[in-house]
Structures are given as C-alpha cells and as structure tokens.
C-alpha cells in the first residue's frame, strides 16, 4: 500500500503551515470574517489558534476547506 495521496490537496501540509499561509493571505481580520471563530477575533495568535483547532474538529475542517478553496487552481478570485 502506497503512502502517497495524489487526490488529497492537504497531503504533506501541517496545520501550522495552513494557518500561517491563510493569515499571510487574508490577515487575522479577513480570516475572522470568513470563519467566525473567537480565536481569530480576540487577540489572535498562531499558537492559540492551533491549540483550539487541534481540539475542535469542526473548526479545523472549516480552516482546511478555506485553504483548499483559496489556494486551489480553480479559484477565480486569486
């Protein structure tokens, strides 16, 4: 069985890298506007956001979906 995942756009990316790229692209305010999570609105930091996202599956799913739609080649807004 192969460990490669050619159909998984998140393969090889850490949650930290995903979050940092989104913050660089949108900023904390833009990220908070797209995903209504308190850790993005109130004194945001990568460390506190990662702690929350690692414990909260639904929030992590939203962040991962935003990453995929933002950085996929199909996004007409880029």
PDB file of N, CA and C in Angstrom:
ATOM      1  N   UNK A   1       0.838  -1.188   0.000  1.00  0.00           N
ATOM      2  CA  UNK A   1       0.000   0.000   0.000  1.00  0.00           C
ATOM      3  C   UNK A   1       0.883   1.251   0.000  1.00  0.00           C
ATOM      4  N   UNK A   2       0.589   2.169  -0.864  1.00  0.00           N
ATOM      5  CA  UNK A   2       1.377   3.380  -1.004  1.00  0.00           C
ATOM      6  C   UNK A   2       0.923   4.434   0.003  1.00  0.00           C
ATOM      7  N   UNK A   3       1.880   5.237   0.483  1.00  0.00           N
ATOM      8  CA  UNK A   3       1.543   6.309   1.419  1.00  0.00           C
ATOM      9  C   UNK A   3       1.243   7.611   0.685  1.00  0.00           C
ATOM     10  N   UNK A   4       1.414   7.626  -0.642  1.00  0.00           N
ATOM     11  CA  UNK A   4       1.113   8.825  -1.403  1.00  0.00           C
ATOM     12  C   UNK A   4      -0.394   9.032  -1.491  1.00  0.00           C
ATOM     13  N   UNK A   5      -0.789  10.288  -1.490  1.00  0.00           N
ATOM     14  CA  UNK A   5      -2.203  10.640  -1.572  1.00  0.00           C
ATOM     15  C   UNK A   5      -2.374  11.702  -2.660  1.00  0.00           C
ATOM     16  N   UNK A   6      -2.365  11.285  -3.928  1.00  0.00           N
ATOM     17  CA  UNK A   6      -2.387  12.270  -5.008  1.00  0.00           C
ATOM     18  C   UNK A   6      -3.668  13.100  -5.071  1.00  0.00           C
ATOM     19  N   UNK A   7      -4.763  12.612  -4.519  1.00  0.00           N
ATOM     20  CA  UNK A   7      -6.031  13.346  -4.570  1.00  0.00           C
ATOM     21  C   UNK A   7      -6.288  14.184  -3.317  1.00  0.00           C
ATOM     22  N   UNK A   8      -5.356  14.193  -2.384  1.00  0.00           N
ATOM     23  CA  UNK A   8      -5.515  14.952  -1.155  1.00  0.00           C
ATOM     24  C   UNK A   8      -4.709  16.249  -1.264  1.00  0.00           C
ATOM     25  N   UNK A   9      -5.367  17.396  -1.431  1.00  0.00           N
ATOM     26  CA  UNK A   9      -4.633  18.656  -1.592  1.00  0.00           C
ATOM     27  C   UNK A   9      -3.906  19.096  -0.322  1.00  0.00           C
ATOM     28  N   UNK A  10      -4.224  18.496   0.813  1.00  0.00           N
ATOM     29  CA  UNK A  10      -3.577  18.870   2.072  1.00  0.00           C
ATOM     30  C   UNK A  10      -2.431  17.927   2.445  1.00  0.00           C
ATOM     31  N   UNK A  11      -2.187  16.919   1.625  1.00  0.00           N
ATOM     32  CA  UNK A  11      -1.144  15.949   1.933  1.00  0.00           C
ATOM     33  C   UNK A  11       0.215  16.645   2.041  1.00  0.00           C
ATOM     34  N   UNK A  12       0.895  16.392   3.141  1.00  0.00           N
ATOM     35  CA  UNK A  12       2.219  16.967   3.366  1.00  0.00           C
ATOM     36  C   UNK A  12       2.207  18.326   4.029  1.00  0.00           C
ATOM     37  N   UNK A  13       1.039  18.892   4.250  1.00  0.00           N
ATOM     38  CA  UNK A  13       0.948  20.198   4.904  1.00  0.00           C
ATOM     39  C   UNK A  13       0.596  20.026   6.371  1.00  0.00           C
ATOM     40  N   UNK A  14       1.224  20.815   7.211  1.00  0.00           N
ATOM     41  CA  UNK A  14       0.855  20.808   8.627  1.00  0.00           C
ATOM     42  C   UNK A  14      -0.232  21.853   8.847  1.00  0.00           C
ATOM     43  N   UNK A  15      -0.973  21.676   9.914  1.00  0.00           N
ATOM     44  CA  UNK A  15      -1.999  22.662  10.264  1.00  0.00           C
ATOM     45  C   UNK A  15      -1.357  24.029  10.490  1.00  0.00           C
ATOM     46  N   UNK A  16      -0.192  24.050  11.065  1.00  0.00           N
ATOM     47  CA  UNK A  16       0.503  25.313  11.306  1.00  0.00           C
ATOM     48  C   UNK A  16       0.821  26.024   9.985  1.00  0.00           C
ATOM     49  N   UNK A  17       1.313  25.291   9.002  1.00  0.00           N
ATOM     50  CA  UNK A  17       1.613  25.900   7.704  1.00  0.00           C
ATOM     51  C   UNK A  17       0.354  26.401   7.021  1.00  0.00           C
ATOM     52  N   UNK A  18      -0.728  25.625   7.118  1.00  0.00           N
ATOM     53  CA  UNK A  18      -2.001  26.033   6.529  1.00  0.00           C
ATOM     54  C   UNK A  18      -2.458  27.343   7.152  1.00  0.00           C
ATOM     55  N   UNK A  19      -2.427  27.409   8.471  1.00  0.00           N
ATOM     56  CA  UNK A  19      -2.871  28.605   9.185  1.00  0.00           C
ATOM     57  C   UNK A  19      -1.992  29.806   8.845  1.00  0.00           C
ATOM     58  N   UNK A  20      -0.698  29.623   8.828  1.00  0.00           N
ATOM     59  CA  UNK A  20       0.212  30.732   8.523  1.00  0.00           C
ATOM     60  C   UNK A  20      -0.014  31.272   7.112  1.00  0.00           C
ATOM     61  N   UNK A  21      -0.245  30.394   6.159  1.00  0.00           N
ATOM     62  CA  UNK A  21      -0.496  30.847   4.794  1.00  0.00           C
ATOM     63  C   UNK A  21      -1.812  31.609   4.690  1.00  0.00           C
ATOM     64  N   UNK A  22      -2.833  31.128   5.398  1.00  0.00           N
ATOM     65  CA  UNK A  22      -4.111  31.833   5.389  1.00  0.00           C
ATOM     66  C   UNK A  22      -3.995  33.208   6.043  1.00  0.00           C
ATOM     67  N   UNK A  23      -3.263  33.295   7.146  1.00  0.00           N
ATOM     68  CA  UNK A  23      -3.080  34.580   7.826  1.00  0.00           C
ATOM     69  C   UNK A  23      -2.282  35.526   6.931  1.00  0.00           C
ATOM     70  N   UNK A  24      -1.276  35.007   6.250  1.00  0.00           N
ATOM     71  CA  UNK A  24      -0.494  35.843   5.347  1.00  0.00           C
ATOM     72  C   UNK A  24      -1.355  36.356   4.194  1.00  0.00           C
ATOM     73  N   UNK A  25      -2.243  35.511   3.715  1.00  0.00           N
ATOM     74  CA  UNK A  25      -3.090  35.868   2.571  1.00  0.00           C
ATOM     75  C   UNK A  25      -4.228  36.814   2.966  1.00  0.00           C
ATOM     76  N   UNK A  26      -4.946  36.489   4.034  1.00  0.00           N
ATOM     77  CA  UNK A  26      -6.137  37.249   4.426  1.00  0.00           C
ATOM     78  C   UNK A  26      -5.912  38.216   5.585  1.00  0.00           C
ATOM     79  N   UNK A  27      -4.922  37.950   6.425  1.00  0.00           N
ATOM     80  CA  UNK A  27      -4.774  38.691   7.679  1.00  0.00           C
ATOM     81  C   UNK A  27      -5.754  38.126   8.698  1.00  0.00           C
ATOM     82  N   UNK A  28      -5.564  38.466   9.962  1.00  0.00           N
ATOM     83  CA  UNK A  28      -6.446  37.930  11.011  1.00  0.00           C
ATOM     84  C   UNK A  28      -7.874  38.427  10.829  1.00  0.00           C
ATOM     85  N   UNK A  29      -8.036  39.699  10.456  1.00  0.00           N
ATOM     86  CA  UNK A  29      -9.389  40.243  10.282  1.00  0.00           C
ATOM     87  C   UNK A  29     -10.122  39.554   9.134  1.00  0.00           C
ATOM     88  N   UNK A  30      -9.428  39.342   8.044  1.00  0.00           N
ATOM     89  CA  UNK A  30     -10.040  38.669   6.906  1.00  0.00           C
ATOM     90  C   UNK A  30     -10.368  37.223   7.206  1.00  0.00           C
ATOM     91  N   UNK A  31      -9.502  36.571   7.961  1.00  0.00           N
ATOM     92  CA  UNK A  31      -9.749  35.191   8.351  1.00  0.00           C
ATOM     93  C   UNK A  31     -10.955  35.107   9.283  1.00  0.00           C
ATOM     94  N   UNK A  32     -11.034  36.037  10.225  1.00  0.00           N
ATOM     95  CA  UNK A  32     -12.170  36.062  11.160  1.00  0.00           C
ATOM     96  C   UNK A  32     -13.477  36.365  10.430  1.00  0.00           C
ATOM     97  N   UNK A  33     -13.412  37.156   9.372  1.00  0.00           N
ATOM     98  CA  UNK A  33     -14.620  37.465   8.604  1.00  0.00           C
ATOM     99  C   UNK A  33     -15.119  36.236   7.840  1.00  0.00           C
ATOM    100  N   UNK A  34     -14.201  35.372   7.455  1.00  0.00           N
ATOM    101  CA  UNK A  34     -14.576  34.188   6.688  1.00  0.00           C
ATOM    102  C   UNK A  34     -14.945  32.998   7.568  1.00  0.00           C
ATOM    103  N   UNK A  35     -14.310  32.915   8.739  1.00  0.00           N
ATOM    104  CA  UNK A  35     -14.587  31.821   9.678  1.00  0.00           C
ATOM    105  C   UNK A  35     -14.821  32.460  11.045  1.00  0.00           C
ATOM    106  N   UNK A  36     -16.038  32.370  11.537  1.00  0.00           N
ATOM    107  CA  UNK A  36     -16.433  33.025  12.781  1.00  0.00           C
ATOM    108  C   UNK A  36     -15.968  32.206  13.988  1.00  0.00           C
ATOM    109  N   UNK A  37     -14.697  32.401  14.340  1.00  0.00           N
ATOM    110  CA  UNK A  37     -14.104  31.709  15.489  1.00  0.00           C
ATOM    111  C   UNK A  37     -13.443  32.768  16.366  1.00  0.00           C
ATOM    112  N   UNK A  38     -13.719  32.723  17.641  1.00  0.00           N
ATOM    113  CA  UNK A  38     -13.226  33.734  18.569  1.00  0.00           C
ATOM    114  C   UNK A  38     -11.703  33.847  18.582  1.00  0.00           C
ATOM    115  N   UNK A  39     -11.004  32.707  18.422  1.00  0.00           N
ATOM    116  CA  UNK A  39      -9.535  32.761  18.476  1.00  0.00           C
ATOM    117  C   UNK A  39      -8.951  33.535  17.296  1.00  0.00           C
ATOM    118  N   UNK A  40      -9.742  33.805  16.251  1.00  0.00           N
ATOM    119  CA  UNK A  40      -9.291  34.632  15.137  1.00  0.00           C
ATOM    120  C   UNK A  40      -9.637  36.098  15.362  1.00  0.00           C
ATOM    121  N   UNK A  41     -10.528  36.380  16.308  1.00  0.00           N
ATOM    122  CA  UNK A  41     -11.011  37.734  16.532  1.00  0.00           C
ATOM    123  C   UNK A  41     -10.388  38.412  17.744  1.00  0.00           C
ATOM    124  N   UNK A  42     -10.260  37.694  18.835  1.00  0.00           N
ATOM    125  CA  UNK A  42      -9.831  38.272  20.098  1.00  0.00           C
ATOM    126  C   UNK A  42      -8.374  37.915  20.384  1.00  0.00           C
ATOM    127  N   UNK A  43      -7.487  38.881  20.204  1.00  0.00           N
ATOM    128  CA  UNK A  43      -6.060  38.715  20.456  1.00  0.00           C
ATOM    129  C   UNK A  43      -5.513  37.470  19.751  1.00  0.00           C
ATOM    130  N   UNK A  44      -5.625  37.404  18.423  1.00  0.00           N
ATOM    131  CA  UNK A  44      -5.252  36.191  17.697  1.00  0.00           C
ATOM    132  C   UNK A  44      -3.754  35.948  17.670  1.00  0.00           C
ATOM    133  N   UNK A  45      -3.399  34.679  17.711  1.00  0.00           N
ATOM    134  CA  UNK A  45      -2.009  34.258  17.529  1.00  0.00           C
ATOM    135  C   UNK A  45      -2.035  32.866  16.908  1.00  0.00           C
ATOM    136  N   UNK A  46      -0.949  32.518  16.263  1.00  0.00           N
ATOM    137  CA  UNK A  46      -0.857  31.193  15.659  1.00  0.00           C
ATOM    138  C   UNK A  46      -0.926  30.132  16.751  1.00  0.00           C
ATOM    139  N   UNK A  47      -0.219  30.349  17.845  1.00  0.00           N
ATOM    140  CA  UNK A  47      -0.164  29.352  18.920  1.00  0.00           C
ATOM    141  C   UNK A  47      -1.545  29.080  19.519  1.00  0.00           C
ATOM    142  N   UNK A  48      -2.279  30.118  19.860  1.00  0.00           N
ATOM    143  CA  UNK A  48      -3.587  29.912  20.480  1.00  0.00           C
ATOM    144  C   UNK A  48      -4.585  29.326  19.479  1.00  0.00           C
ATOM    145  N   UNK A  49      -4.485  29.752  18.236  1.00  0.00           N
ATOM    146  CA  UNK A  49      -5.385  29.221  17.216  1.00  0.00           C
ATOM    147  C   UNK A  49      -5.117  27.749  16.959  1.00  0.00           C
ATOM    148  N   UNK A  50      -3.844  27.367  16.901  1.00  0.00           N
ATOM    149  CA  UNK A  50      -3.510  25.959  16.699  1.00  0.00           C
ATOM    150  C   UNK A  50      -4.027  25.102  17.845  1.00  0.00           C
ATOM    151  N   UNK A  51      -3.902  25.594  19.055  1.00  0.00           N
ATOM    152  CA  UNK A  51      -4.392  24.845  20.215  1.00  0.00           C
ATOM    153  C   UNK A  51      -5.890  24.584  20.090  1.00  0.00           C
ATOM    154  N   UNK A  52      -6.643  25.608  19.693  1.00  0.00           N
ATOM    155  CA  UNK A  52      -8.084  25.463  19.535  1.00  0.00           C
ATOM    156  C   UNK A  52      -8.421  24.542  18.365  1.00  0.00           C
ATOM    157  N   UNK A  53      -7.783  24.754  17.233  1.00  0.00           N
ATOM    158  CA  UNK A  53      -8.095  23.978  16.034  1.00  0.00           C
ATOM    159  C   UNK A  53      -7.767  22.496  16.204  1.00  0.00           C
ATOM    160  N   UNK A  54      -6.730  22.187  16.946  1.00  0.00           N
ATOM    161  CA  UNK A  54      -6.364  20.783  17.157  1.00  0.00           C
ATOM    162  C   UNK A  54      -7.387  20.060  18.031  1.00  0.00           C
ATOM    163  N   UNK A  55      -8.084  20.810  18.878  1.00  0.00           N
ATOM    164  CA  UNK A  55      -9.093  20.200  19.761  1.00  0.00           C
ATOM    165  C   UNK A  55     -10.489  20.200  19.148  1.00  0.00           C
ATOM    166  N   UNK A  56     -10.721  21.044  18.146  1.00  0.00           N
ATOM    167  CA  UNK A  56     -12.068  21.275  17.648  1.00  0.00           C
ATOM    168  C   UNK A  56     -12.147  20.908  16.167  1.00  0.00           C
ATOM    169  N   UNK A  57     -12.678  19.728  15.904  1.00  0.00           N
ATOM    170  CA  UNK A  57     -12.703  19.190  14.551  1.00  0.00           C
ATOM    171  C   UNK A  57     -13.465  20.034  13.549  1.00  0.00           C
ATOM    172  N   UNK A  58     -14.640  20.559  13.943  1.00  0.00           N
ATOM    173  CA  UNK A  58     -15.439  21.338  13.001  1.00  0.00           C
ATOM    174  C   UNK A  58     -14.704  22.606  12.580  1.00  0.00           C
ATOM    175  N   UNK A  59     -13.969  23.216  13.503  1.00  0.00           N
ATOM    176  CA  UNK A  59     -13.234  24.442  13.182  1.00  0.00           C
ATOM    177  C   UNK A  59     -12.059  24.130  12.259  1.00  0.00           C
ATOM    178  N   UNK A  60     -11.370  23.033  12.553  1.00  0.00           N
ATOM    179  CA  UNK A  60     -10.255  22.624  11.697  1.00  0.00           C
ATOM    180  C   UNK A  60     -10.750  22.327  10.279  1.00  0.00           C
ATOM    181  N   UNK A  61     -11.893  21.674  10.169  1.00  0.00           N
ATOM    182  CA  UNK A  61     -12.473  21.380   8.856  1.00  0.00           C
ATOM    183  C   UNK A  61     -12.729  22.669   8.063  1.00  0.00           C
ATOM    184  N   UNK A  62     -13.249  23.686   8.737  1.00  0.00           N
ATOM    185  CA  UNK A  62     -13.520  24.959   8.063  1.00  0.00           C
ATOM    186  C   UNK A  62     -12.230  25.623   7.581  1.00  0.00           C
ATOM    187  N   UNK A  63     -11.197  25.558   8.407  1.00  0.00           N
ATOM    188  CA  UNK A  63      -9.908  26.145   8.030  1.00  0.00           C
ATOM    189  C   UNK A  63      -9.319  25.401   6.840  1.00  0.00           C
ATOM    190  N   UNK A  64      -9.383  24.075   6.880  1.00  0.00           N
ATOM    191  CA  UNK A  64      -8.843  23.279   5.778  1.00  0.00           C
ATOM    192  C   UNK A  64      -9.626  23.523   4.486  1.00  0.00           C
ATOM    193  N   UNK A  65     -10.938  23.628   4.575  1.00  0.00           N
ATOM    194  CA  UNK A  65     -11.751  23.898   3.381  1.00  0.00           C
ATOM    195  C   UNK A  65     -11.441  25.277   2.807  1.00  0.00           C
ATOM    196  N   UNK A  66     -11.269  26.269   3.680  1.00  0.00           N
ATOM    197  CA  UNK A  66     -10.912  27.606   3.212  1.00  0.00           C
ATOM    198  C   UNK A  66      -9.556  27.576   2.517  1.00  0.00           C
ATOM    199  N   UNK A  67      -8.613  26.847   3.060  1.00  0.00           N
ATOM    200  CA  UNK A  67      -7.289  26.734   2.451  1.00  0.00           C
ATOM    201  C   UNK A  67      -7.392  26.147   1.047  1.00  0.00           C
ATOM    202  N   UNK A  68      -8.133  25.057   0.936  1.00  0.00           N
ATOM    203  CA  UNK A  68      -8.259  24.382  -0.358  1.00  0.00           C
ATOM    204  C   UNK A  68      -8.923  25.303  -1.382  1.00  0.00           C
ATOM    205  N   UNK A  69     -10.008  25.968  -0.995  1.00  0.00           N
ATOM    206  CA  UNK A  69     -10.694  26.840  -1.953  1.00  0.00           C
ATOM    207  C   UNK A  69      -9.863  28.079  -2.286  1.00  0.00           C
ATOM    208  N   UNK A  70      -9.090  28.560  -1.329  1.00  0.00           N
ATOM    209  CA  UNK A  70      -8.269  29.746  -1.562  1.00  0.00           C
ATOM    210  C   UNK A  70      -7.098  29.455  -2.485  1.00  0.00           C
ATOM    211  N   UNK A  71      -6.432  28.344  -2.258  1.00  0.00           N
ATOM    212  CA  UNK A  71      -5.187  28.089  -2.972  1.00  0.00           C
ATOM    213  C   UNK A  71      -5.288  27.024  -4.061  1.00  0.00           C
ATOM    214  N   UNK A  72      -6.495  26.597  -4.380  1.00  0.00           N
ATOM    215  CA  UNK A  72      -6.638  25.653  -5.493  1.00  0.00           C
ATOM    216  C   UNK A  72      -6.586  26.436  -6.804  1.00  0.00           C
ATOM    217  N   UNK A  73      -6.230  25.759  -7.857  1.00  0.00           N
ATOM    218  CA  UNK A  73      -6.137  26.413  -9.161  1.00  0.00           C
ATOM    219  C   UNK A  73      -7.488  26.806  -9.717  1.00  0.00           C
ATOM    220  N   UNK A  74      -8.577  26.334  -9.111  1.00  0.00           N
ATOM    221  CA  UNK A  74      -9.914  26.617  -9.610  1.00  0.00           C
ATOM    222  C   UNK A  74     -10.512  27.913  -9.067  1.00  0.00           C
ATOM    223  N   UNK A  75      -9.814  28.572  -8.170  1.00  0.00           N
ATOM    224  CA  UNK A  75     -10.366  29.745  -7.510  1.00  0.00           C
ATOM    225  C   UNK A  75     -10.269  30.971  -8.426  1.00  0.00           C
ATOM    226  N   UNK A  76     -11.401  31.508  -8.883  1.00  0.00           N
ATOM    227  CA  UNK A  76     -11.359  32.658  -9.788  1.00  0.00           C
ATOM    228  C   UNK A  76     -11.020  33.973  -9.087  1.00  0.00           C
ATOM    229  N   UNK A  77     -10.991  34.010  -7.771  1.00  0.00           N
ATOM    230  CA  UNK A  77     -10.754  35.244  -7.028  1.00  0.00           C
ATOM    231  C   UNK A  77      -9.284  35.524  -6.783  1.00  0.00           C
ATOM    232  N   UNK A  78      -8.410  34.628  -7.187  1.00  0.00           N
ATOM    233  CA  UNK A  78      -6.975  34.855  -6.976  1.00  0.00           C
ATOM    234  C   UNK A  78      -6.334  35.486  -8.180  1.00  0.00           C
TER     235      UNK A  78
END
